[in-house]
Protein backbone atom coordinates (compact mmCIF):
# COMPACT_ATOMS: atom_id res chain seq x y z
CA UNK A 1 0.00 0.00 0.00
CA UNK A 2 2.79 2.42 0.93
CA UNK A 3 4.71 1.53 -2.21
CA UNK A 4 1.74 2.53 -4.38
CA UNK A 5 1.37 5.76 -2.40
CA UNK A 6 5.09 6.53 -2.83
CA UNK A 7 4.90 5.83 -6.58
CA UNK A 8 1.80 8.05 -6.88
CA UNK A 9 3.54 10.86 -4.96
CA UNK A 10 6.62 10.52 -7.17
CA UNK A 11 4.46 10.60 -10.30
CA UNK A 12 2.60 13.65 -8.99
CA UNK A 13 5.86 15.49 -8.24
CA UNK A 14 7.25 14.61 -11.66
CA UNK A 15 4.13 15.95 -13.38
CA UNK A 16 4.23 19.06 -11.22
CA UNK A 17 7.88 19.70 -12.13
CA UNK A 18 7.21 19.17 -15.85
CA UNK A 19 4.20 21.49 -15.90
CA UNK A 20 6.06 24.13 -13.89
CA UNK A 21 8.99 23.94 -16.29
CA UNK A 22 6.71 24.36 -19.30
CA UNK A 23 4.94 27.29 -17.64
CA UNK A 24 8.23 29.05 -16.87
CA UNK A 25 9.57 28.50 -20.40
CA UNK A 26 6.35 29.77 -21.94
CA UNK A 27 6.40 32.82 -19.66
CA UNK A 28 10.00 33.60 -20.63
CA UNK A 29 9.14 33.26 -24.32
CA UNK A 30 6.19 35.64 -23.97
CA UNK A 31 8.30 38.17 -22.08
CA UNK A 32 11.09 37.97 -24.68
CA UNK A 33 8.58 38.41 -27.50
CA UNK A 34 7.03 41.42 -25.77
CA UNK A 35 10.47 42.92 -25.20
CA UNK A 36 11.37 42.34 -28.86
CA UNK A 37 8.17 44.07 -30.01
CA UNK A 38 8.83 47.05 -27.73
CA UNK A 39 12.38 47.32 -29.05
CA UNK A 40 11.14 47.18 -32.65
CA UNK A 41 8.59 49.90 -31.90
CA UNK A 42 11.32 52.14 -30.47
CA UNK A 43 13.72 51.37 -33.30
CA UNK A 44 11.30 51.99 -36.20
CA UNK A 45 11.38 55.82 -36.01
CA UNK A 46 15.17 55.80 -35.79
CA UNK A 47 15.42 53.60 -38.88
CA UNK A 48 13.00 55.88 -40.75
CA UNK A 49 15.01 58.96 -39.79
CA UNK A 50 18.27 57.31 -40.90
CA UNK A 51 16.68 56.40 -44.25
CA UNK A 52 15.55 60.00 -44.75
CA UNK A 53 19.01 61.32 -43.88
CA UNK A 54 20.61 58.88 -46.31
CA UNK A 55 18.17 59.96 -49.02
CA UNK A 56 19.01 63.62 -48.32
CA UNK A 57 22.76 62.87 -48.52
CA UNK A 58 22.28 60.97 -51.77
CA UNK A 59 20.24 63.80 -53.27
CA UNK A 60 22.84 66.39 -52.21
CA UNK A 61 25.61 64.28 -53.72
CA UNK A 62 23.73 64.00 -57.02
CA UNK A 63 23.15 67.76 -57.11
CA UNK A 64 26.80 68.42 -56.33
CA UNK A 65 27.87 66.02 -59.06
CA UNK A 66 25.55 67.70 -61.55
CA UNK A 67 26.89 71.15 -60.60
CA UNK A 68 30.50 69.98 -60.95
CA UNK A 69 29.67 68.69 -64.42
CA UNK A 70 28.37 72.12 -65.45
CA UNK A 71 31.01 74.17 -63.58
CA UNK A 72 34.15 72.05 -63.31
CA UNK A 73 36.42 72.84 -60.40
CA UNK A 74 39.81 74.40 -61.02
CA UNK A 75 42.40 71.69 -60.76
CA UNK A 76 45.74 72.34 -59.04
CA UNK A 77 47.67 71.26 -62.16
CA UNK A 78 45.92 73.86 -64.30
CA UNK A 79 47.15 76.75 -62.18
CA UNK A 80 50.65 77.89 -62.87
CA UNK A 81 52.71 80.22 -60.76
CA UNK A 82 51.31 83.73 -60.49
CA UNK A 83 53.13 86.38 -62.38
CA UNK A 84 53.19 89.59 -60.46
CA UNK A 85 54.29 92.70 -62.32
C-alpha atoms as a PDB file:
ATOM      1  CA  UNK A   1       0.000   0.000   0.000  1.00  0.00           C
ATOM      2  CA  UNK A   2       2.785   2.423   0.933  1.00  0.00           C
ATOM      3  CA  UNK A   3       4.707   1.535  -2.213  1.00  0.00           C
ATOM      4  CA  UNK A   4       1.735   2.531  -4.376  1.00  0.00           C
ATOM      5  CA  UNK A   5       1.368   5.765  -2.395  1.00  0.00           C
ATOM      6  CA  UNK A   6       5.092   6.531  -2.827  1.00  0.00           C
ATOM      7  CA  UNK A   7       4.899   5.835  -6.583  1.00  0.00           C
ATOM      8  CA  UNK A   8       1.804   8.051  -6.884  1.00  0.00           C
ATOM      9  CA  UNK A   9       3.545  10.860  -4.965  1.00  0.00           C
ATOM     10  CA  UNK A  10       6.624  10.522  -7.170  1.00  0.00           C
ATOM     11  CA  UNK A  11       4.455  10.596 -10.299  1.00  0.00           C
ATOM     12  CA  UNK A  12       2.601  13.653  -8.991  1.00  0.00           C
ATOM     13  CA  UNK A  13       5.859  15.489  -8.236  1.00  0.00           C
ATOM     14  CA  UNK A  14       7.254  14.611 -11.662  1.00  0.00           C
ATOM     15  CA  UNK A  15       4.131  15.945 -13.385  1.00  0.00           C
ATOM     16  CA  UNK A  16       4.233  19.065 -11.222  1.00  0.00           C
ATOM     17  CA  UNK A  17       7.875  19.703 -12.133  1.00  0.00           C
ATOM     18  CA  UNK A  18       7.212  19.166 -15.851  1.00  0.00           C
ATOM     19  CA  UNK A  19       4.197  21.488 -15.903  1.00  0.00           C
ATOM     20  CA  UNK A  20       6.056  24.133 -13.889  1.00  0.00           C
ATOM     21  CA  UNK A  21       8.988  23.942 -16.289  1.00  0.00           C
ATOM     22  CA  UNK A  22       6.708  24.361 -19.302  1.00  0.00           C
ATOM     23  CA  UNK A  23       4.942  27.290 -17.639  1.00  0.00           C
ATOM     24  CA  UNK A  24       8.228  29.048 -16.865  1.00  0.00           C
ATOM     25  CA  UNK A  25       9.573  28.496 -20.396  1.00  0.00           C
ATOM     26  CA  UNK A  26       6.352  29.772 -21.941  1.00  0.00           C
ATOM     27  CA  UNK A  27       6.397  32.818 -19.658  1.00  0.00           C
ATOM     28  CA  UNK A  28      10.003  33.599 -20.635  1.00  0.00           C
ATOM     29  CA  UNK A  29       9.138  33.256 -24.315  1.00  0.00           C
ATOM     30  CA  UNK A  30       6.187  35.635 -23.971  1.00  0.00           C
ATOM     31  CA  UNK A  31       8.300  38.172 -22.084  1.00  0.00           C
ATOM     32  CA  UNK A  32      11.085  37.972 -24.678  1.00  0.00           C
ATOM     33  CA  UNK A  33       8.581  38.408 -27.501  1.00  0.00           C
ATOM     34  CA  UNK A  34       7.027  41.416 -25.772  1.00  0.00           C
ATOM     35  CA  UNK A  35      10.466  42.922 -25.200  1.00  0.00           C
ATOM     36  CA  UNK A  36      11.368  42.338 -28.858  1.00  0.00           C
ATOM     37  CA  UNK A  37       8.167  44.069 -30.007  1.00  0.00           C
ATOM     38  CA  UNK A  38       8.831  47.050 -27.730  1.00  0.00           C
ATOM     39  CA  UNK A  39      12.376  47.321 -29.053  1.00  0.00           C
ATOM     40  CA  UNK A  40      11.145  47.183 -32.646  1.00  0.00           C
ATOM     41  CA  UNK A  41       8.586  49.904 -31.896  1.00  0.00           C
ATOM     42  CA  UNK A  42      11.322  52.143 -30.470  1.00  0.00           C
ATOM     43  CA  UNK A  43      13.720  51.368 -33.301  1.00  0.00           C
ATOM     44  CA  UNK A  44      11.299  51.987 -36.195  1.00  0.00           C
ATOM     45  CA  UNK A  45      11.377  55.825 -36.006  1.00  0.00           C
ATOM     46  CA  UNK A  46      15.172  55.799 -35.793  1.00  0.00           C
ATOM     47  CA  UNK A  47      15.417  53.602 -38.878  1.00  0.00           C
ATOM     48  CA  UNK A  48      12.999  55.879 -40.746  1.00  0.00           C
ATOM     49  CA  UNK A  49      15.013  58.960 -39.788  1.00  0.00           C
ATOM     50  CA  UNK A  50      18.267  57.307 -40.902  1.00  0.00           C
ATOM     51  CA  UNK A  51      16.681  56.402 -44.246  1.00  0.00           C
ATOM     52  CA  UNK A  52      15.547  59.997 -44.747  1.00  0.00           C
ATOM     53  CA  UNK A  53      19.011  61.318 -43.877  1.00  0.00           C
ATOM     54  CA  UNK A  54      20.612  58.875 -46.307  1.00  0.00           C
ATOM     55  CA  UNK A  55      18.170  59.957 -49.021  1.00  0.00           C
ATOM     56  CA  UNK A  56      19.015  63.618 -48.323  1.00  0.00           C
ATOM     57  CA  UNK A  57      22.759  62.869 -48.524  1.00  0.00           C
ATOM     58  CA  UNK A  58      22.284  60.972 -51.769  1.00  0.00           C
ATOM     59  CA  UNK A  59      20.241  63.804 -53.275  1.00  0.00           C
ATOM     60  CA  UNK A  60      22.836  66.392 -52.207  1.00  0.00           C
ATOM     61  CA  UNK A  61      25.613  64.278 -53.719  1.00  0.00           C
ATOM     62  CA  UNK A  62      23.735  63.996 -57.018  1.00  0.00           C
ATOM     63  CA  UNK A  63      23.145  67.763 -57.109  1.00  0.00           C
ATOM     64  CA  UNK A  64      26.801  68.423 -56.328  1.00  0.00           C
ATOM     65  CA  UNK A  65      27.868  66.025 -59.060  1.00  0.00           C
ATOM     66  CA  UNK A  66      25.546  67.704 -61.551  1.00  0.00           C
ATOM     67  CA  UNK A  67      26.894  71.151 -60.602  1.00  0.00           C
ATOM     68  CA  UNK A  68      30.496  69.983 -60.954  1.00  0.00           C
ATOM     69  CA  UNK A  69      29.674  68.692 -64.425  1.00  0.00           C
ATOM     70  CA  UNK A  70      28.371  72.124 -65.454  1.00  0.00           C
ATOM     71  CA  UNK A  71      31.014  74.166 -63.581  1.00  0.00           C
ATOM     72  CA  UNK A  72      34.146  72.049 -63.307  1.00  0.00           C
ATOM     73  CA  UNK A  73      36.417  72.838 -60.400  1.00  0.00           C
ATOM     74  CA  UNK A  74      39.813  74.399 -61.016  1.00  0.00           C
ATOM     75  CA  UNK A  75      42.400  71.690 -60.756  1.00  0.00           C
ATOM     76  CA  UNK A  76      45.742  72.339 -59.044  1.00  0.00           C
ATOM     77  CA  UNK A  77      47.672  71.257 -62.159  1.00  0.00           C
ATOM     78  CA  UNK A  78      45.919  73.861 -64.295  1.00  0.00           C
ATOM     79  CA  UNK A  79      47.153  76.754 -62.175  1.00  0.00           C
ATOM     80  CA  UNK A  80      50.645  77.886 -62.868  1.00  0.00           C
ATOM     81  CA  UNK A  81      52.709  80.218 -60.758  1.00  0.00           C
ATOM     82  CA  UNK A  82      51.311  83.732 -60.491  1.00  0.00           C
ATOM     83  CA  UNK A  83      53.129  86.384 -62.383  1.00  0.00           C
ATOM     84  CA  UNK A  84      53.191  89.586 -60.459  1.00  0.00           C
ATOM     85  CA  UNK A  85      54.294  92.704 -62.318  1.00  0.00           C
END
